[in-house]
N, C-alpha and C. Protein backbone atom coordinates (compact mmCIF):
# COMPACT_ATOMS: atom_id res chain seq x y z
N MET A 1 -25.69 -4.58 -9.08
CA MET A 1 -26.16 -5.19 -7.85
C MET A 1 -25.72 -6.65 -7.77
N ARG A 2 -25.57 -7.26 -8.95
CA ARG A 2 -25.17 -8.66 -8.97
C ARG A 2 -23.79 -8.82 -8.36
N TYR A 3 -22.88 -7.92 -8.71
CA TYR A 3 -21.52 -8.03 -8.19
C TYR A 3 -21.42 -7.66 -6.72
N PHE A 4 -22.36 -6.89 -6.24
CA PHE A 4 -22.40 -6.61 -4.80
C PHE A 4 -22.55 -7.90 -4.01
N TRP A 5 -23.46 -8.77 -4.45
CA TRP A 5 -23.69 -10.02 -3.72
C TRP A 5 -22.47 -10.94 -3.80
N LEU A 6 -21.80 -10.95 -4.94
CA LEU A 6 -20.58 -11.75 -5.05
C LEU A 6 -19.49 -11.21 -4.13
N PHE A 7 -19.32 -9.89 -4.12
CA PHE A 7 -18.35 -9.25 -3.23
C PHE A 7 -18.69 -9.53 -1.77
N ALA A 8 -19.97 -9.44 -1.43
CA ALA A 8 -20.40 -9.70 -0.05
C ALA A 8 -20.10 -11.14 0.35
N ALA A 9 -20.36 -12.09 -0.54
CA ALA A 9 -20.12 -13.50 -0.23
C ALA A 9 -18.64 -13.76 -0.02
N ILE A 10 -17.80 -13.22 -0.90
CA ILE A 10 -16.36 -13.43 -0.77
C ILE A 10 -15.82 -12.75 0.47
N SER A 11 -16.23 -11.51 0.71
CA SER A 11 -15.75 -10.77 1.89
C SER A 11 -16.15 -11.46 3.18
N LEU A 12 -17.43 -11.79 3.27
CA LEU A 12 -17.91 -12.45 4.48
C LEU A 12 -17.22 -13.80 4.68
N GLY A 13 -17.02 -14.53 3.60
CA GLY A 13 -16.34 -15.82 3.70
C GLY A 13 -14.94 -15.68 4.24
N LEU A 14 -14.21 -14.70 3.74
CA LEU A 14 -12.84 -14.49 4.22
C LEU A 14 -12.81 -14.03 5.67
N ILE A 15 -13.67 -13.09 6.00
CA ILE A 15 -13.69 -12.55 7.37
C ILE A 15 -14.11 -13.63 8.36
N ILE A 16 -15.14 -14.37 8.05
CA ILE A 16 -15.63 -15.39 8.97
C ILE A 16 -14.62 -16.52 9.11
N THR A 17 -13.95 -16.87 8.03
CA THR A 17 -12.92 -17.90 8.12
C THR A 17 -11.77 -17.44 9.00
N TYR A 18 -11.36 -16.19 8.82
CA TYR A 18 -10.29 -15.65 9.67
C TYR A 18 -10.70 -15.67 11.14
N LEU A 19 -11.91 -15.18 11.42
CA LEU A 19 -12.37 -15.16 12.81
C LEU A 19 -12.56 -16.57 13.36
N SER A 20 -12.93 -17.51 12.53
CA SER A 20 -13.09 -18.90 12.98
C SER A 20 -11.74 -19.49 13.37
N ILE A 21 -10.72 -19.17 12.60
CA ILE A 21 -9.38 -19.66 12.94
C ILE A 21 -8.87 -18.99 14.21
N LYS A 22 -9.16 -17.71 14.35
CA LYS A 22 -8.67 -16.93 15.49
C LYS A 22 -9.40 -17.30 16.79
N ASP A 23 -10.73 -17.35 16.77
CA ASP A 23 -11.51 -17.52 18.00
C ASP A 23 -12.10 -18.92 18.18
N GLY A 24 -12.11 -19.71 17.16
CA GLY A 24 -12.71 -21.03 17.26
C GLY A 24 -13.89 -21.17 16.32
N PHE A 25 -13.96 -22.31 15.68
CA PHE A 25 -14.99 -22.53 14.66
C PHE A 25 -16.39 -22.57 15.25
N ASN A 26 -16.53 -23.12 16.44
CA ASN A 26 -17.86 -23.25 17.06
C ASN A 26 -18.51 -21.88 17.30
N LYS A 27 -17.72 -20.88 17.56
CA LYS A 27 -18.26 -19.55 17.83
C LYS A 27 -18.76 -18.86 16.56
N TRP A 28 -18.13 -19.09 15.41
CA TRP A 28 -18.42 -18.36 14.19
C TRP A 28 -19.08 -19.20 13.10
N SER A 29 -19.32 -20.45 13.34
CA SER A 29 -19.84 -21.32 12.27
C SER A 29 -21.23 -20.91 11.78
N PHE A 30 -22.05 -20.38 12.65
CA PHE A 30 -23.41 -19.98 12.26
C PHE A 30 -23.38 -18.89 11.19
N TYR A 31 -22.38 -18.04 11.19
CA TYR A 31 -22.33 -16.90 10.28
C TYR A 31 -22.07 -17.30 8.83
N TYR A 32 -21.70 -18.56 8.60
CA TYR A 32 -21.57 -19.03 7.22
C TYR A 32 -22.92 -19.06 6.50
N VAL A 33 -24.00 -18.99 7.25
CA VAL A 33 -25.33 -18.89 6.65
C VAL A 33 -25.42 -17.62 5.80
N PHE A 34 -24.83 -16.53 6.29
CA PHE A 34 -24.86 -15.28 5.54
C PHE A 34 -24.04 -15.36 4.25
N VAL A 35 -22.97 -16.13 4.29
CA VAL A 35 -22.19 -16.36 3.07
C VAL A 35 -23.05 -17.12 2.07
N GLY A 36 -23.76 -18.13 2.53
CA GLY A 36 -24.63 -18.91 1.66
C GLY A 36 -25.75 -18.08 1.08
N VAL A 37 -26.34 -17.22 1.89
CA VAL A 37 -27.43 -16.36 1.41
C VAL A 37 -26.90 -15.38 0.35
N SER A 38 -25.74 -14.79 0.60
CA SER A 38 -25.16 -13.85 -0.36
C SER A 38 -24.82 -14.56 -1.67
N LEU A 39 -24.25 -15.73 -1.57
CA LEU A 39 -23.91 -16.49 -2.77
C LEU A 39 -25.18 -16.91 -3.52
N GLY A 40 -26.19 -17.30 -2.77
CA GLY A 40 -27.47 -17.65 -3.38
C GLY A 40 -28.10 -16.47 -4.11
N MET A 41 -28.02 -15.29 -3.52
CA MET A 41 -28.56 -14.10 -4.17
C MET A 41 -27.81 -13.78 -5.45
N TYR A 42 -26.50 -13.95 -5.44
CA TYR A 42 -25.71 -13.73 -6.65
C TYR A 42 -26.12 -14.70 -7.75
N LEU A 43 -26.25 -15.97 -7.40
CA LEU A 43 -26.63 -16.98 -8.39
C LEU A 43 -28.04 -16.75 -8.91
N MET A 44 -28.96 -16.38 -8.03
CA MET A 44 -30.33 -16.11 -8.45
C MET A 44 -30.39 -14.90 -9.38
N LYS A 45 -29.66 -13.86 -9.04
CA LYS A 45 -29.64 -12.66 -9.88
C LYS A 45 -29.07 -12.98 -11.26
N THR A 46 -28.00 -13.77 -11.31
CA THR A 46 -27.40 -14.15 -12.58
C THR A 46 -28.37 -14.98 -13.41
N PHE A 47 -29.03 -15.95 -12.78
CA PHE A 47 -30.01 -16.79 -13.46
C PHE A 47 -31.15 -15.96 -14.02
N MET A 48 -31.67 -15.04 -13.22
CA MET A 48 -32.81 -14.23 -13.66
C MET A 48 -32.43 -13.28 -14.78
N MET A 49 -31.20 -12.76 -14.76
CA MET A 49 -30.78 -11.87 -15.83
C MET A 49 -30.67 -12.62 -17.16
N LYS A 50 -30.12 -13.83 -17.12
CA LYS A 50 -30.03 -14.63 -18.34
C LYS A 50 -31.43 -15.01 -18.84
N ARG A 51 -32.30 -15.34 -17.93
CA ARG A 51 -33.68 -15.70 -18.30
C ARG A 51 -34.40 -14.51 -18.93
N MET A 52 -34.20 -13.33 -18.38
CA MET A 52 -34.84 -12.13 -18.91
C MET A 52 -34.31 -11.79 -20.30
N GLU A 53 -33.01 -11.97 -20.53
CA GLU A 53 -32.44 -11.72 -21.86
C GLU A 53 -33.07 -12.66 -22.89
N LYS A 54 -33.23 -13.92 -22.55
CA LYS A 54 -33.86 -14.88 -23.46
C LYS A 54 -35.30 -14.48 -23.74
N HIS A 55 -36.01 -14.04 -22.72
CA HIS A 55 -37.41 -13.65 -22.88
C HIS A 55 -37.53 -12.41 -23.78
N LEU A 56 -36.64 -11.45 -23.61
CA LEU A 56 -36.68 -10.25 -24.44
C LEU A 56 -36.37 -10.58 -25.90
N LYS A 57 -35.44 -11.51 -26.14
CA LYS A 57 -35.16 -11.95 -27.51
C LYS A 57 -36.39 -12.62 -28.11
N TYR A 58 -37.06 -13.44 -27.32
CA TYR A 58 -38.28 -14.11 -27.79
C TYR A 58 -39.36 -13.08 -28.14
N LEU A 59 -39.55 -12.09 -27.30
CA LEU A 59 -40.56 -11.07 -27.57
C LEU A 59 -40.21 -10.28 -28.83
N ALA A 60 -38.94 -10.00 -29.04
CA ALA A 60 -38.52 -9.28 -30.25
C ALA A 60 -38.80 -10.12 -31.49
N GLU A 61 -38.56 -11.43 -31.43
CA GLU A 61 -38.84 -12.31 -32.57
C GLU A 61 -40.34 -12.38 -32.86
N VAL A 62 -41.15 -12.46 -31.83
CA VAL A 62 -42.60 -12.50 -32.02
C VAL A 62 -43.08 -11.20 -32.65
N LYS A 63 -42.56 -10.09 -32.18
CA LYS A 63 -42.96 -8.80 -32.74
C LYS A 63 -42.53 -8.69 -34.20
N LYS A 64 -41.35 -9.18 -34.53
CA LYS A 64 -40.86 -9.16 -35.90
C LYS A 64 -41.74 -10.02 -36.81
N GLN A 65 -42.16 -11.18 -36.30
CA GLN A 65 -43.03 -12.06 -37.08
C GLN A 65 -44.40 -11.43 -37.30
N GLU A 66 -44.91 -10.73 -36.30
CA GLU A 66 -46.22 -10.08 -36.44
C GLU A 66 -46.15 -8.96 -37.48
N ILE A 67 -45.04 -8.27 -37.54
CA ILE A 67 -44.89 -7.18 -38.51
C ILE A 67 -44.78 -7.74 -39.92
N ASN A 68 -44.05 -8.83 -40.08
CA ASN A 68 -43.83 -9.42 -41.40
C ASN A 68 -45.05 -10.13 -41.97
N GLN A 69 -45.92 -10.63 -41.12
CA GLN A 69 -47.09 -11.34 -41.60
C GLN A 69 -48.24 -10.37 -41.84
N PRO A 70 -48.95 -10.53 -42.96
CA PRO A 70 -50.11 -9.64 -43.20
C PRO A 70 -51.23 -10.00 -42.21
N GLN A 71 -51.95 -8.98 -41.82
CA GLN A 71 -53.06 -9.20 -40.87
C GLN A 71 -54.25 -9.78 -41.60
N LYS A 72 -54.91 -10.74 -40.94
CA LYS A 72 -56.10 -11.37 -41.49
C LYS A 72 -57.34 -10.64 -40.99
N LYS A 73 -58.33 -10.52 -41.88
CA LYS A 73 -59.56 -9.84 -41.48
C LYS A 73 -60.67 -10.81 -41.27
């Protein structure tokens, strides 16, 4: 899904730029918002995936420490 947003941002950017050159920038300039949203979604997805990987590593370390330490009564 992450690459979908990157593909969407690149595709929309190219199409909107072409149409802006063909028909005039004033007519198509608003549609660059969709390029920004798609690029933002790609960046957010990438950030969240890296954050989740770090969190899962942390949870694995905590679980390993709990197993290695004897339980106190």
